[in-house]
N, C-alpha and C. Protein backbone atom coordinates (compact mmCIF):
# COMPACT_ATOMS: atom_id res chain seq x y z
N UNK A 1 0.80 -1.14 0.01
CA UNK A 1 -0.22 0.03 0.14
C UNK A 1 0.89 1.30 -0.11
N UNK A 2 2.06 1.01 -0.28
CA UNK A 2 2.98 2.22 -0.39
C UNK A 2 3.97 2.24 0.59
N UNK A 3 4.16 1.19 1.35
CA UNK A 3 5.31 1.19 2.28
C UNK A 3 5.93 -0.16 2.19
N UNK A 4 7.40 -0.17 2.10
CA UNK A 4 8.24 -1.46 1.89
C UNK A 4 8.02 -2.32 2.94
N UNK A 5 8.15 -3.66 2.73
CA UNK A 5 7.89 -4.47 3.70
C UNK A 5 8.79 -4.26 4.97
N UNK A 6 10.01 -4.09 4.71
CA UNK A 6 10.82 -3.94 5.94
C UNK A 6 10.47 -2.69 6.85
N UNK A 7 10.14 -1.74 6.05
CA UNK A 7 9.56 -0.61 6.84
C UNK A 7 8.34 -0.95 7.69
N UNK A 8 7.44 -1.67 6.86
CA UNK A 8 6.00 -2.07 7.43
C UNK A 8 6.31 -3.10 8.90
N UNK A 9 7.37 -3.91 8.61
CA UNK A 9 7.69 -4.66 9.84
C UNK A 9 8.22 -4.01 10.91
N UNK A 10 9.26 -3.06 10.55
CA UNK A 10 9.73 -2.14 11.68
C UNK A 10 8.59 -1.11 12.30
N UNK A 11 7.74 -0.55 11.44
CA UNK A 11 6.58 0.24 11.88
C UNK A 11 5.79 -0.55 12.91
N UNK A 12 5.21 -1.87 12.20
CA UNK A 12 4.40 -2.56 13.18
C UNK A 12 4.78 -3.05 14.42
N UNK A 13 6.35 -3.13 14.56
CA UNK A 13 6.79 -3.81 15.67
C UNK A 13 7.58 -2.57 16.75
N UNK A 14 7.46 -1.36 16.23
CA UNK A 14 7.76 -0.29 17.04
C UNK A 14 6.88 -0.02 18.13
N UNK A 15 7.41 0.58 19.14
CA UNK A 15 6.63 0.82 20.45
C UNK A 15 6.52 2.31 20.29
N UNK A 16 5.15 2.73 20.29
CA UNK A 16 4.67 3.85 20.14
C UNK A 16 5.27 5.09 21.03
N UNK A 17 5.68 4.64 22.20
CA UNK A 17 6.47 5.33 23.00
C UNK A 17 7.93 5.88 22.74
N UNK A 18 8.51 4.88 21.88
CA UNK A 18 9.75 5.01 21.60
C UNK A 18 10.13 5.80 20.26
N UNK A 19 9.17 5.49 19.39
CA UNK A 19 9.42 6.13 17.91
C UNK A 19 8.22 6.71 17.51
N UNK A 20 8.10 7.80 16.78
CA UNK A 20 7.23 8.32 16.04
C UNK A 20 7.42 8.14 14.74
N UNK A 21 6.56 7.24 13.91
CA UNK A 21 6.78 6.92 12.62
C UNK A 21 5.92 7.59 11.79
N UNK A 22 6.23 7.92 10.54
CA UNK A 22 5.54 8.52 9.46
C UNK A 22 5.61 7.79 8.14
N UNK A 23 4.69 7.68 7.38
CA UNK A 23 4.91 7.13 6.05
C UNK A 23 3.69 7.62 5.06
N UNK A 24 3.98 7.36 3.91
CA UNK A 24 3.25 7.87 2.88
C UNK A 24 2.07 6.65 2.57
N UNK A 25 0.95 7.26 2.04
CA UNK A 25 -0.09 6.22 1.65
C UNK A 25 -0.52 6.99 0.18
N UNK A 26 -0.42 5.83 -0.78
CA UNK A 26 -0.56 6.27 -2.27
C UNK A 26 -2.11 6.56 -2.22
N UNK A 27 -2.47 7.78 -3.05
CA UNK A 27 -3.69 8.29 -3.15
C UNK A 27 -4.88 7.32 -3.30
N UNK A 28 -4.53 6.40 -4.24
CA UNK A 28 -5.51 5.20 -4.60
C UNK A 28 -5.90 4.49 -3.46
N UNK A 29 -5.06 4.36 -2.46
CA UNK A 29 -5.54 3.42 -1.20
C UNK A 29 -5.87 4.31 -0.06
N UNK A 30 -5.89 5.55 -0.09
CA UNK A 30 -6.39 6.70 1.00
C UNK A 30 -7.73 6.14 1.44
N UNK A 31 -8.77 5.94 0.53
CA UNK A 31 -10.12 5.71 0.87
C UNK A 31 -10.08 4.28 1.72
N UNK A 32 -9.41 3.34 1.36
CA UNK A 32 -9.24 2.02 2.32
C UNK A 32 -8.81 2.14 3.54
N UNK A 33 -7.80 2.91 3.61
CA UNK A 33 -6.93 3.23 5.00
C UNK A 33 -7.93 4.00 5.72
N UNK A 34 -8.71 5.06 5.06
CA UNK A 34 -9.66 5.98 6.05
C UNK A 34 -10.72 5.03 6.64
N UNK A 35 -11.21 4.11 5.74
CA UNK A 35 -12.30 3.17 6.33
C UNK A 35 -11.83 2.38 7.44
N UNK A 36 -10.71 1.79 6.96
CA UNK A 36 -10.05 0.87 8.17
C UNK A 36 -9.89 1.52 9.40
N UNK A 37 -9.22 2.73 9.44
CA UNK A 37 -9.05 3.27 10.71
C UNK A 37 -10.19 3.99 11.31
N UNK A 38 -11.34 4.20 10.59
CA UNK A 38 -12.46 4.63 11.18
C UNK A 38 -13.11 3.50 11.84
N UNK A 39 -12.89 2.27 11.31
CA UNK A 39 -13.46 1.08 11.93
C UNK A 39 -12.74 0.52 13.15
N UNK A 40 -11.83 1.40 13.57
CA UNK A 40 -11.05 0.75 14.83
C UNK A 40 -11.68 0.34 15.84
N UNK A 41 -12.86 0.99 16.17
CA UNK A 41 -13.68 0.47 17.49
C UNK A 41 -14.74 -0.75 16.84
N UNK A 42 -14.76 -1.11 15.96
CA UNK A 42 -15.46 -2.18 15.56
C UNK A 42 -14.95 -3.83 15.33
N UNK A 43 -13.81 -3.99 16.12
CA UNK A 43 -13.44 -5.31 16.35
C UNK A 43 -14.24 -5.99 16.95
N UNK A 44 -14.53 -7.43 16.55
CA UNK A 44 -15.25 -8.25 17.20
C UNK A 44 -14.33 -9.24 17.96
N UNK A 45 -14.79 -9.54 19.08
CA UNK A 45 -14.05 -10.47 20.26
C UNK A 45 -14.64 -11.86 20.28
N UNK A 46 -13.82 -12.78 20.28
CA UNK A 46 -14.46 -14.25 20.71
C UNK A 46 -14.64 -14.12 22.25
N UNK A 47 -15.68 -15.05 22.80
CA UNK A 47 -15.98 -14.99 24.19
C UNK A 47 -14.94 -16.02 25.05
N UNK A 48 -15.08 -15.95 26.31
CA UNK A 48 -14.31 -16.80 27.00
C UNK A 48 -13.21 -16.20 27.68
N UNK A 49 -12.53 -16.90 28.50
CA UNK A 49 -11.31 -16.37 29.40
C UNK A 49 -10.11 -15.80 28.26
N UNK A 50 -10.02 -16.38 27.35
CA UNK A 50 -8.79 -16.00 26.49
C UNK A 50 -9.37 -15.56 25.18
N UNK A 51 -10.15 -14.14 25.35
CA UNK A 51 -10.66 -13.73 24.25
C UNK A 51 -9.73 -13.07 23.22
N UNK A 52 -9.88 -13.07 21.84
CA UNK A 52 -9.25 -12.44 20.90
C UNK A 52 -9.98 -12.09 19.77
N UNK A 53 -9.42 -11.04 19.09
CA UNK A 53 -10.09 -10.44 18.04
C UNK A 53 -10.34 -11.52 16.88
N UNK A 54 -11.50 -11.46 16.39
CA UNK A 54 -11.80 -12.45 15.15
C UNK A 54 -12.11 -11.78 14.09
N UNK A 55 -12.29 -10.48 13.92
CA UNK A 55 -12.64 -9.73 12.66
C UNK A 55 -13.27 -8.55 12.94
N UNK A 56 -13.44 -7.56 12.01
CA UNK A 56 -14.18 -6.47 11.96
C UNK A 56 -15.89 -6.77 11.84
N UNK A 57 -16.66 -5.85 12.25
CA UNK A 57 -18.14 -6.00 12.30
C UNK A 57 -18.45 -5.31 10.90
N UNK A 58 -18.72 -6.25 10.03
CA UNK A 58 -18.89 -5.78 8.69
C UNK A 58 -20.37 -5.45 8.40
N UNK A 59 -21.10 -5.47 9.31
CA UNK A 59 -22.51 -4.97 9.54
C UNK A 59 -22.56 -3.44 9.37
N UNK A 60 -21.44 -2.98 9.86
CA UNK A 60 -21.39 -1.32 9.77
C UNK A 60 -20.43 -0.91 8.52
N UNK A 61 -19.75 -1.58 8.07
CA UNK A 61 -18.77 -1.30 7.05
C UNK A 61 -19.37 -0.20 5.79
N UNK A 62 -20.74 -0.32 5.53
CA UNK A 62 -21.34 0.48 4.64
C UNK A 62 -21.47 2.11 5.37
N UNK A 63 -21.76 1.85 6.51
CA UNK A 63 -21.80 3.27 7.22
C UNK A 63 -20.63 4.01 7.35
N UNK A 64 -19.56 3.32 7.64
CA UNK A 64 -18.01 3.80 7.56
C UNK A 64 -17.59 4.24 6.16
N UNK A 65 -18.02 3.58 5.05
CA UNK A 65 -17.78 4.04 3.93
C UNK A 65 -18.55 5.21 3.56
N UNK A 66 -19.62 5.50 4.02
CA UNK A 66 -20.38 6.75 3.74
C UNK A 66 -19.84 7.81 4.50
N UNK A 67 -19.49 7.29 5.70
CA UNK A 67 -18.92 8.59 6.47
C UNK A 67 -17.49 9.02 5.90
N UNK A 68 -16.64 8.12 5.32
CA UNK A 68 -15.54 8.42 4.64
C UNK A 68 -15.62 8.89 3.24
N UNK A 69 -16.88 9.01 2.88
CA UNK A 69 -17.38 9.54 1.46
C UNK A 69 -16.48 8.60 0.30
N UNK A 70 -16.74 7.31 0.46
CA UNK A 70 -16.06 6.72 -0.52
C UNK A 70 -17.41 6.57 -1.74
N UNK A 71 -16.95 6.71 -2.72
CA UNK A 71 -17.78 6.93 -4.01
C UNK A 71 -18.40 5.32 -4.40
N UNK A 72 -19.52 5.28 -4.52
CA UNK A 72 -20.36 4.07 -4.63
C UNK A 72 -19.66 3.03 -5.73
N UNK A 73 -19.13 3.75 -6.85
CA UNK A 73 -18.28 2.85 -7.82
C UNK A 73 -17.08 2.16 -7.33
N UNK A 74 -16.53 2.78 -6.15
CA UNK A 74 -15.29 2.13 -5.57
C UNK A 74 -15.39 1.22 -4.33
N UNK A 75 -16.82 1.10 -3.75
CA UNK A 75 -17.02 0.38 -2.65
C UNK A 75 -16.60 -0.98 -2.69
N UNK A 76 -16.99 -1.81 -3.64
CA UNK A 76 -16.46 -3.27 -3.50
C UNK A 76 -14.85 -3.35 -3.57
N UNK A 77 -14.22 -2.48 -4.30
CA UNK A 77 -12.56 -2.33 -4.31
C UNK A 77 -12.28 -1.94 -2.82
N UNK A 78 -12.82 -0.93 -2.24
CA UNK A 78 -12.33 -0.48 -0.84
C UNK A 78 -12.62 -1.83 0.09
N UNK A 79 -13.84 -2.31 -0.13
CA UNK A 79 -14.09 -3.36 0.74
C UNK A 79 -13.08 -4.57 0.75
N UNK A 80 -12.63 -4.93 -0.41
CA UNK A 80 -11.60 -5.78 -0.75
C UNK A 80 -10.35 -5.40 0.02
N UNK A 81 -10.00 -4.17 -0.03
CA UNK A 81 -8.94 -3.40 0.64
C UNK A 81 -8.99 -3.69 2.14
N UNK A 82 -9.96 -3.25 2.75
CA UNK A 82 -10.26 -3.17 4.10
C UNK A 82 -10.03 -4.57 4.69
N UNK A 83 -10.68 -5.65 3.83
CA UNK A 83 -10.56 -6.94 4.17
C UNK A 83 -9.16 -7.73 4.26
N UNK A 84 -8.42 -7.01 3.30
CA UNK A 84 -6.73 -7.49 3.38
C UNK A 84 -6.24 -6.85 4.41
N UNK A 85 -6.44 -5.65 4.89
CA UNK A 85 -5.81 -5.00 5.98
C UNK A 85 -6.28 -5.81 7.32
N UNK A 86 -7.69 -6.18 7.39
CA UNK A 86 -8.27 -6.88 8.51
C UNK A 86 -7.41 -8.34 8.60
N UNK A 87 -7.23 -9.08 7.58
CA UNK A 87 -6.66 -10.25 7.61
C UNK A 87 -5.08 -10.07 8.01
N UNK A 88 -4.41 -8.98 7.56
CA UNK A 88 -3.11 -8.73 8.11
C UNK A 88 -2.91 -8.41 9.38
N UNK A 89 -3.94 -7.57 9.90
CA UNK A 89 -3.91 -7.31 11.45
C UNK A 89 -4.11 -8.46 12.20
N UNK A 90 -5.12 -9.34 11.88
CA UNK A 90 -5.41 -10.34 12.57
C UNK A 90 -4.10 -11.31 12.71
N UNK A 91 -3.40 -11.60 11.66
CA UNK A 91 -2.37 -12.44 11.50
C UNK A 91 -1.20 -11.86 12.55
N UNK A 92 -0.93 -10.58 12.43
CA UNK A 92 0.08 -9.99 13.30
C UNK A 92 -0.37 -10.23 14.84
N UNK A 93 -1.72 -9.89 15.07
CA UNK A 93 -2.04 -10.10 16.55
C UNK A 93 -2.27 -11.65 16.96
N UNK A 94 -2.48 -12.49 16.00
CA UNK A 94 -2.47 -13.93 16.37
C UNK A 94 -0.92 -14.30 16.67
N UNK A 95 -0.05 -14.05 15.92
CA UNK A 95 1.21 -14.27 16.04
C UNK A 95 1.95 -13.62 17.28
N UNK A 96 1.59 -12.62 17.64
CA UNK A 96 2.08 -12.01 19.01
C UNK A 96 1.37 -12.71 20.29
N UNK A 97 0.29 -13.34 19.93
CA UNK A 97 -0.63 -14.06 21.07
C UNK A 97 0.24 -15.42 21.43
N UNK A 98 1.01 -15.78 20.54
CA UNK A 98 1.46 -17.22 20.60
C UNK A 98 2.94 -17.29 21.12
């Protein structure tokens, strides 16, 4: 999405208290990033003693696309991009949990 793999790994593993990171987002990816960050409070969790994130609440995805003013003709593309970011985030969190 405009960030080199080694930079992404470094950024994802950086402690926010230690390093202030910045990076560019390609213009064509900006709507997906906006929607993904807008949905930061929409993570669903499993139940039980060892609860973990299991995905975003897709029931509200359309509301967030409207909020971020994603044009109708791009919404399926943006949804695919948000799902790719969702899978990547879940993978990182699952790796950190083990």
